[in-house]
Amino acid sequence: MKYIITIFLIVTLSLFDLACTDFESEEGEVPVEEFPDQESWGNNIYFQRDGQRLAVLTAGYIAKYLKKRYTLLKEGVKVDFYGEDGELKSVLTSKEGKVYDARSDMVATGNVVVKSTNGTTLYTEELNWVNKEGKIISEVPVKITTEGDTLYGDTFKSDPDLINYEMTNARGTLSLIHI
C-alpha cells in the first residue's frame, strides 16, 4: 500500500510540475503589450482643428495602442479631405497606415492614391498627413497626373486638394494648353 501511495505522490507531483512549466511556442511568445488596447472594424476617425472638420478616415481594421500612442490602420484606408468651406477636396486611399495620436498626424503606406476634385491625381508608396500644417508630404518618389499632363518627382509637399504643391527633381510632360 505504501508503494502505491508513493507512486501516486510521484505521479501527482510530476503532473503538478508539468502543469506549472511555462512552455514557449517554437516562434516564441508575444508580449502582452504587443496586443492593441482597442480594436474596431469598419469605423471612422475624425480630424478637426478649431472645431472645423479637416478629414474623415475610414479603415477596414483599426487597432489603438495606448502606450505606444498610435493607431494602426489596415485592410484598406480611405481619407476624405475637406476644405475651409466644408466641401470635399480630395480622397486618399492606401493599403494601410498609422495615426500618431498626440499630433493627429498620419502615415499612409502601400499603393497610396490621392484624387482631388479638380482632376489631379497623386500616386506614391508613402504619404504623410501633417495635421498642424494641413499638408500632405511624401519623401519617396511620386507621380502626378492631370488632364494631359504627367509629372514625376522625388519628394512632394502640398495642400490636400493638390492645387499648391512643391516637388523636387520634377520631370515629365506638360501640355501647352494649360500654360
Foldseek 3Di string as FASTA:
>chain_A
DVVVVVVVVVVVVVVVVVVPDDDADPVGDDDPLVAFPDKDAFDWDFDDDPPHTFKIKTARMWGHRVVVQKIKGADKMKMFGADPVRDTFKMKIAGIKMARRVQRKIKGAHFIWIATPQAKIKTDGIWIQRNVVQKIKAQAKMWMDGVVWIKIAGIKMDHSNPPDMDGHPIDTDDDPVVD
